[in-house]
């Protein structure tokens, strides 16, 4: 894994997205309930276009795109967007997550709109269907989707979602494609991962209710993003896959984990991640207020 420190523009544009139920999946911003009041974590916009690699495996399912809501002149941009997502992004995501989307879906279908698909949300994943505002897809100077496709993969596999792995795995994809533009690969010295993380670590000491839940999930997401810079590719794969059922956990999750994550099942996924970090990487988080 290349260790690069790149200027950071936090992935805020699409964090409010991903709340639409699917015929094959559950909403991803809150895997428990689509009406969660949880404060969304910062997220990236779709990533820039990288250079195709001759080693990429061919997609195991078709990708289609619907741009009928846009002028016909934008069809070429839509075609380029779907080809890059299918031929460059998906093979890397499949490699790092171990998730073959063909096991859950017959195809991946994108819909590009001239407006947000939901109020305040520029993009949503409903498993096999991903809907994006053109502003956050084909209007970007570099065009493809990583963020929502990762949600689709996590929904398919039943992996821990809620943006916990987004910073780490999106960095992985960008780095593999040689994409280090400001606004895409997260810089470990960014204020979000320094001042923002420190602020949340301080806030959990007195927070309660929704504020505590949001801060605890934000802490875990930010700590996982930072680990991108110190772990190799195999370790990143292992951490993500440790949260895919059936889980291997040595101990039941503590009461605080269950409180924060809202269910024993989700807390067990976090417990599996924490145990893997400790056993395989000798890393532990000292945040008792969150059960970490």
Protein backbone atom coordinates (compact mmCIF):
# COMPACT_ATOMS: atom_id res chain seq x y z
CA UNK A 1 0.00 0.00 0.00
CA UNK A 2 1.39 3.33 -1.00
CA UNK A 3 1.53 5.72 1.88
CA UNK A 4 0.56 9.04 0.38
CA UNK A 5 -0.58 12.19 2.13
CA UNK A 6 -2.90 14.01 -0.24
CA UNK A 7 -4.85 17.23 0.29
CA UNK A 8 -8.29 16.35 1.59
CA UNK A 9 -11.73 17.49 0.63
CA UNK A 10 -14.06 15.53 2.90
CA UNK A 11 -16.62 13.31 1.30
CA UNK A 12 -19.62 15.37 2.50
CA UNK A 13 -21.66 15.55 -0.71
CA UNK A 14 -23.32 12.15 -0.48
CA UNK A 15 -23.48 11.34 3.22
CA UNK A 16 -27.15 12.20 3.45
CA UNK A 17 -27.86 9.69 0.73
CA UNK A 18 -28.41 5.98 0.82
CA UNK A 19 -31.74 5.79 2.63
CA UNK A 20 -33.96 4.10 0.04
CA UNK A 21 -35.22 0.54 0.67
CA UNK A 22 -34.51 -2.04 -2.01
CA UNK A 23 -36.40 -5.08 -3.10
CA UNK A 24 -33.29 -7.03 -2.22
CA UNK A 25 -31.70 -4.98 0.51
CA UNK A 26 -32.22 -2.70 3.44
CA UNK A 27 -31.41 1.02 3.66
CA UNK A 28 -27.76 1.69 4.24
CA UNK A 29 -27.43 5.01 6.06
CA UNK A 30 -29.06 3.30 9.01
CA UNK A 31 -29.24 -0.41 8.48
CA UNK A 32 -31.73 -0.65 11.33
CA UNK A 33 -34.40 1.83 10.23
CA UNK A 34 -34.83 4.19 7.25
CA UNK A 35 -35.95 7.00 9.53
CA UNK A 36 -32.83 7.12 11.65
CA UNK A 37 -31.95 10.49 13.14
CA UNK A 38 -28.30 9.56 13.15
CA UNK A 39 -26.03 12.39 12.01
CA UNK A 40 -24.50 11.29 8.69
CA UNK A 41 -20.76 10.86 8.53
CA UNK A 42 -18.83 12.95 6.01
CA UNK A 43 -18.45 11.22 2.66
CA UNK A 44 -16.68 11.74 -0.66
CA UNK A 45 -18.26 12.68 -3.94
CA UNK A 46 -17.83 10.09 -6.69
CA UNK A 47 -14.19 9.66 -7.60
CA UNK A 48 -12.24 10.83 -10.63
CA UNK A 49 -11.52 8.63 -13.59
CA UNK A 50 -8.32 6.62 -13.37
CA UNK A 51 -6.34 4.65 -15.93
CA UNK A 52 -7.67 1.18 -16.78
CA UNK A 53 -5.52 -1.70 -15.61
CA UNK A 54 -4.99 -4.72 -17.89
CA UNK A 55 -5.15 -6.96 -14.82
CA UNK A 56 -8.73 -6.04 -13.93
CA UNK A 57 -11.18 -8.93 -14.10
CA UNK A 58 -14.21 -8.57 -16.32
CA UNK A 59 -17.44 -7.71 -14.55
CA UNK A 60 -19.56 -10.74 -13.61
CA UNK A 61 -22.86 -8.92 -14.16
CA UNK A 62 -24.09 -6.18 -16.51
CA UNK A 63 -24.09 -2.49 -15.57
CA UNK A 64 -26.73 -0.29 -17.18
CA UNK A 65 -27.54 3.42 -16.99
CA UNK A 66 -30.66 5.51 -17.52
CA UNK A 67 -30.08 9.15 -18.42
CA UNK A 68 -33.50 9.90 -19.94
CA UNK A 69 -33.99 12.74 -17.45
CA UNK A 70 -31.07 14.61 -19.03
CA UNK A 71 -30.55 16.18 -22.45
CA UNK A 72 -29.53 13.70 -25.15
CA UNK A 73 -26.18 15.50 -25.41
CA UNK A 74 -25.19 14.04 -22.02
CA UNK A 75 -25.51 10.41 -23.11
CA UNK A 76 -21.83 10.17 -23.98
CA UNK A 77 -20.93 11.27 -20.45
CA UNK A 78 -23.33 8.69 -19.04
CA UNK A 79 -21.78 5.97 -21.19
CA UNK A 80 -18.30 6.88 -19.99
CA UNK A 81 -19.48 6.93 -16.37
CA UNK A 82 -20.99 3.46 -16.46
CA UNK A 83 -18.06 1.95 -18.38
CA UNK A 84 -15.51 3.27 -15.91
CA UNK A 85 -17.56 2.16 -12.90
CA UNK A 86 -18.01 -1.32 -14.35
CA UNK A 87 -14.51 -1.87 -15.75
CA UNK A 88 -12.30 -0.10 -13.21
CA UNK A 89 -14.08 0.50 -9.90
CA UNK A 90 -16.06 -2.70 -9.50
CA UNK A 91 -13.12 -5.07 -10.09
CA UNK A 92 -11.13 -3.33 -7.34
CA UNK A 93 -14.07 -3.32 -4.95
CA UNK A 94 -14.70 -7.00 -5.64
CA UNK A 95 -11.05 -7.74 -4.94
CA UNK A 96 -10.83 -5.87 -1.64
CA UNK A 97 -14.25 -6.74 -0.25
CA UNK A 98 -14.51 -10.26 -1.63
CA UNK A 99 -18.09 -9.46 -2.68
CA UNK A 100 -19.29 -10.58 -6.11
CA UNK A 101 -22.41 -8.57 -6.81
CA UNK A 102 -23.70 -11.26 -9.17
CA UNK A 103 -24.48 -13.40 -6.10
CA UNK A 104 -27.20 -10.94 -5.11
CA UNK A 105 -28.21 -8.99 -8.19
CA UNK A 106 -28.95 -9.71 -11.85
CA UNK A 107 -27.52 -6.32 -12.83
CA UNK A 108 -26.45 -2.97 -11.40
CA UNK A 109 -28.62 -0.17 -12.76
CA UNK A 110 -27.76 3.52 -12.45
CA UNK A 111 -30.27 6.33 -12.84
CA UNK A 112 -28.90 9.85 -13.34
CA UNK A 113 -31.26 12.70 -12.50
CA UNK A 114 -31.14 16.46 -12.87
CA UNK A 115 -32.04 16.83 -9.18
CA UNK A 116 -31.37 15.05 -5.89
CA UNK A 117 -33.11 11.66 -5.72
CA UNK A 118 -34.29 12.46 -2.19
CA UNK A 119 -34.39 15.74 -0.31
CA UNK A 120 -30.89 16.58 0.86
CA UNK A 121 -29.39 13.46 -0.70
CA UNK A 122 -27.30 13.53 -3.87
CA UNK A 123 -27.15 9.77 -4.26
CA UNK A 124 -28.79 6.62 -2.94
CA UNK A 125 -28.09 2.91 -3.18
CA UNK A 126 -31.01 0.49 -3.19
CA UNK A 127 -28.90 -2.60 -3.76
CA UNK A 128 -29.16 -3.28 -7.47
CA UNK A 129 -30.32 0.26 -8.32
CA UNK A 130 -28.24 3.37 -7.67
CA UNK A 131 -29.64 6.85 -8.26
CA UNK A 132 -27.46 9.94 -8.47
CA UNK A 133 -27.81 13.65 -9.12
CA UNK A 134 -25.85 14.54 -12.26
CA UNK A 135 -23.93 17.09 -10.16
CA UNK A 136 -22.36 14.28 -8.17
CA UNK A 137 -21.76 11.91 -11.06
CA UNK A 138 -21.39 12.90 -14.70
CA UNK A 139 -20.85 16.62 -13.99
CA UNK A 140 -17.68 15.96 -12.03
CA UNK A 141 -14.40 16.44 -13.88
CA UNK A 142 -13.63 12.75 -13.25
CA UNK A 143 -16.58 10.40 -13.52
CA UNK A 144 -17.38 7.16 -11.74
CA UNK A 145 -19.03 5.88 -8.58
CA UNK A 146 -17.28 4.29 -5.62
CA UNK A 147 -19.38 5.41 -2.67
CA UNK A 148 -22.81 4.02 -3.57
CA UNK A 149 -21.40 0.87 -5.16
CA UNK A 150 -19.65 0.07 -1.88
CA UNK A 151 -23.03 0.37 -0.14
CA UNK A 152 -24.48 -2.10 -2.65
CA UNK A 153 -21.64 -4.54 -1.99
CA UNK A 154 -22.03 -4.24 1.78
CA UNK A 155 -25.77 -4.77 1.55
CA UNK A 156 -25.21 -7.83 -0.63
CA UNK A 157 -22.72 -9.41 1.79
CA UNK A 158 -24.35 -8.22 4.99
CA UNK A 159 -21.12 -6.48 5.99
CA UNK A 160 -20.92 -3.69 8.55
CA UNK A 161 -21.89 -0.48 6.77
CA UNK A 162 -23.02 2.93 8.11
CA UNK A 163 -19.93 4.45 6.41
CA UNK A 164 -17.50 2.74 8.79
CA UNK A 165 -15.29 1.43 5.97
CA UNK A 166 -15.96 4.11 3.38
CA UNK A 167 -12.90 6.26 4.07
CA UNK A 168 -10.56 3.25 4.18
CA UNK A 169 -11.87 1.40 1.13
CA UNK A 170 -12.49 4.46 -1.02
CA UNK A 171 -8.89 5.47 -0.35
CA UNK A 172 -7.86 1.97 -1.38
CA UNK A 173 -9.71 2.25 -4.69
CA UNK A 174 -8.41 5.74 -5.46
CA UNK A 175 -4.86 4.75 -4.65
CA UNK A 176 -5.07 1.65 -6.85
CA UNK A 177 -6.25 3.82 -9.71
CA UNK A 178 -3.55 6.42 -9.07
CA UNK A 179 -6.16 9.01 -8.11
CA UNK A 180 -4.75 11.51 -5.64
CA UNK A 181 -6.67 14.61 -6.62
CA UNK A 182 -7.77 16.97 -3.84
CA UNK A 183 -11.28 15.99 -2.87
CA UNK A 184 -10.90 12.25 -3.32
CA UNK A 185 -8.15 10.41 -1.45
CA UNK A 186 -8.50 11.34 2.23
CA UNK A 187 -5.46 13.06 3.69
CA UNK A 188 -4.61 11.73 7.15
CA UNK A 189 -3.62 15.24 8.25
CA UNK A 190 -7.01 16.70 7.32
CA UNK A 191 -8.87 18.64 9.97
CA UNK A 192 -11.62 16.04 9.94
CA UNK A 193 -9.22 13.28 10.96
CA UNK A 194 -7.33 15.44 13.43
CA UNK A 195 -9.42 18.21 14.99
CA UNK A 196 -12.68 16.50 14.10
CA UNK A 197 -11.65 13.18 15.61
CA UNK A 198 -10.23 14.83 18.72
CA UNK A 199 -13.44 16.81 19.16
CA UNK A 200 -15.51 13.64 19.03
CA UNK A 201 -13.22 11.84 21.45
CA UNK A 202 -13.76 14.70 23.86
CA UNK A 203 -17.51 14.93 23.26
CA UNK A 204 -18.25 11.30 24.14
CA UNK A 205 -17.14 11.97 27.70
CA UNK A 206 -20.33 13.95 28.33
CA UNK A 207 -22.63 13.11 25.40
CA UNK A 208 -25.72 10.93 25.64
CA UNK A 209 -28.50 9.67 23.42
CA UNK A 210 -28.26 10.39 19.70
CA UNK A 211 -25.24 12.65 20.18
CA UNK A 212 -23.31 9.81 21.79
CA UNK A 213 -24.33 7.34 19.09
CA UNK A 214 -23.28 9.73 16.31
CA UNK A 215 -19.95 10.52 17.95
CA UNK A 216 -19.10 6.88 18.62
CA UNK A 217 -19.84 5.84 15.04
CA UNK A 218 -17.89 8.84 13.75
CA UNK A 219 -14.89 7.91 15.89
CA UNK A 220 -14.83 4.36 14.56
CA UNK A 221 -15.18 5.51 10.94
CA UNK A 222 -12.37 8.04 11.29
CA UNK A 223 -10.06 5.62 13.04
CA UNK A 224 -10.63 3.08 10.26
CA UNK A 225 -9.85 5.71 7.64
CA UNK A 226 -6.58 6.54 9.39
CA UNK A 227 -5.62 2.85 9.36
CA UNK A 228 -5.47 2.99 5.57
CA UNK A 229 -2.12 4.74 5.93
CA UNK A 230 -0.56 2.12 8.22
CA UNK A 231 -1.99 -1.22 7.06
CA UNK A 232 -1.21 -3.25 3.97
CA UNK A 233 -3.72 -4.44 1.39
CA UNK A 234 -4.22 -7.84 2.97
CA UNK A 235 -5.02 -6.32 6.35
CA UNK A 236 -7.63 -4.00 4.85
CA UNK A 237 -9.30 -6.94 3.15
CA UNK A 238 -9.29 -8.95 6.33
CA UNK A 239 -10.83 -6.18 8.42
CA UNK A 240 -13.74 -5.61 6.06
CA UNK A 241 -14.40 -9.30 5.60
CA UNK A 242 -14.32 -9.92 9.36
CA UNK A 243 -17.71 -8.18 9.58
CA UNK A 244 -19.41 -10.46 7.03
CA UNK A 245 -21.52 -13.25 8.57
CA UNK A 246 -20.95 -15.87 9.78
CA UNK A 247 -18.92 -13.93 12.33
CA UNK A 248 -16.02 -15.27 14.32
CA UNK A 249 -16.18 -13.66 17.75
CA UNK A 250 -14.55 -14.88 20.94
CA UNK A 251 -16.75 -12.82 23.25
CA UNK A 252 -20.22 -11.38 23.24
CA UNK A 253 -20.38 -7.63 22.60
CA UNK A 254 -20.46 -5.53 25.74
CA UNK A 255 -23.59 -3.67 26.77
CA UNK A 256 -22.25 -0.33 25.57
CA UNK A 257 -21.66 -1.67 22.04
CA UNK A 258 -25.21 -2.97 21.92
CA UNK A 259 -26.50 0.40 23.12
CA UNK A 260 -24.53 2.36 20.53
CA UNK A 261 -25.29 0.09 17.56
CA UNK A 262 -28.92 -0.53 18.44
CA UNK A 263 -28.94 -4.32 18.19
CA UNK A 264 -26.91 -7.30 19.29
CA UNK A 265 -26.39 -8.33 15.66
CA UNK A 266 -24.76 -5.02 14.68
CA UNK A 267 -22.76 -4.94 17.92
CA UNK A 268 -21.42 -8.41 17.12
CA UNK A 269 -20.13 -7.13 13.78
CA UNK A 270 -18.29 -4.33 15.55
CA UNK A 271 -16.98 -6.81 18.11
CA UNK A 272 -15.68 -9.01 15.27
CA UNK A 273 -13.88 -6.01 13.78
CA UNK A 274 -12.37 -4.99 17.12
CA UNK A 275 -11.19 -8.54 17.82
CA UNK A 276 -9.60 -8.81 14.37
CA UNK A 277 -7.80 -5.51 14.88
CA UNK A 278 -6.43 -6.67 18.22
CA UNK A 279 -5.49 -10.21 17.22
CA UNK A 280 -4.11 -9.57 13.75
CA UNK A 281 -2.80 -6.01 13.99
CA UNK A 282 -2.24 -5.52 17.75
CA UNK A 283 -4.46 -2.44 17.58
CA UNK A 284 -7.09 -1.50 20.15
CA UNK A 285 -9.15 1.63 20.73
CA UNK A 286 -9.42 3.07 24.23
CA UNK A 287 -12.86 4.67 24.03
CA UNK A 288 -14.83 3.08 26.88
CA UNK A 289 -17.72 5.52 26.43
CA UNK A 290 -18.37 3.76 23.10
CA UNK A 291 -17.52 0.24 24.19
CA UNK A 292 -14.34 0.25 22.06
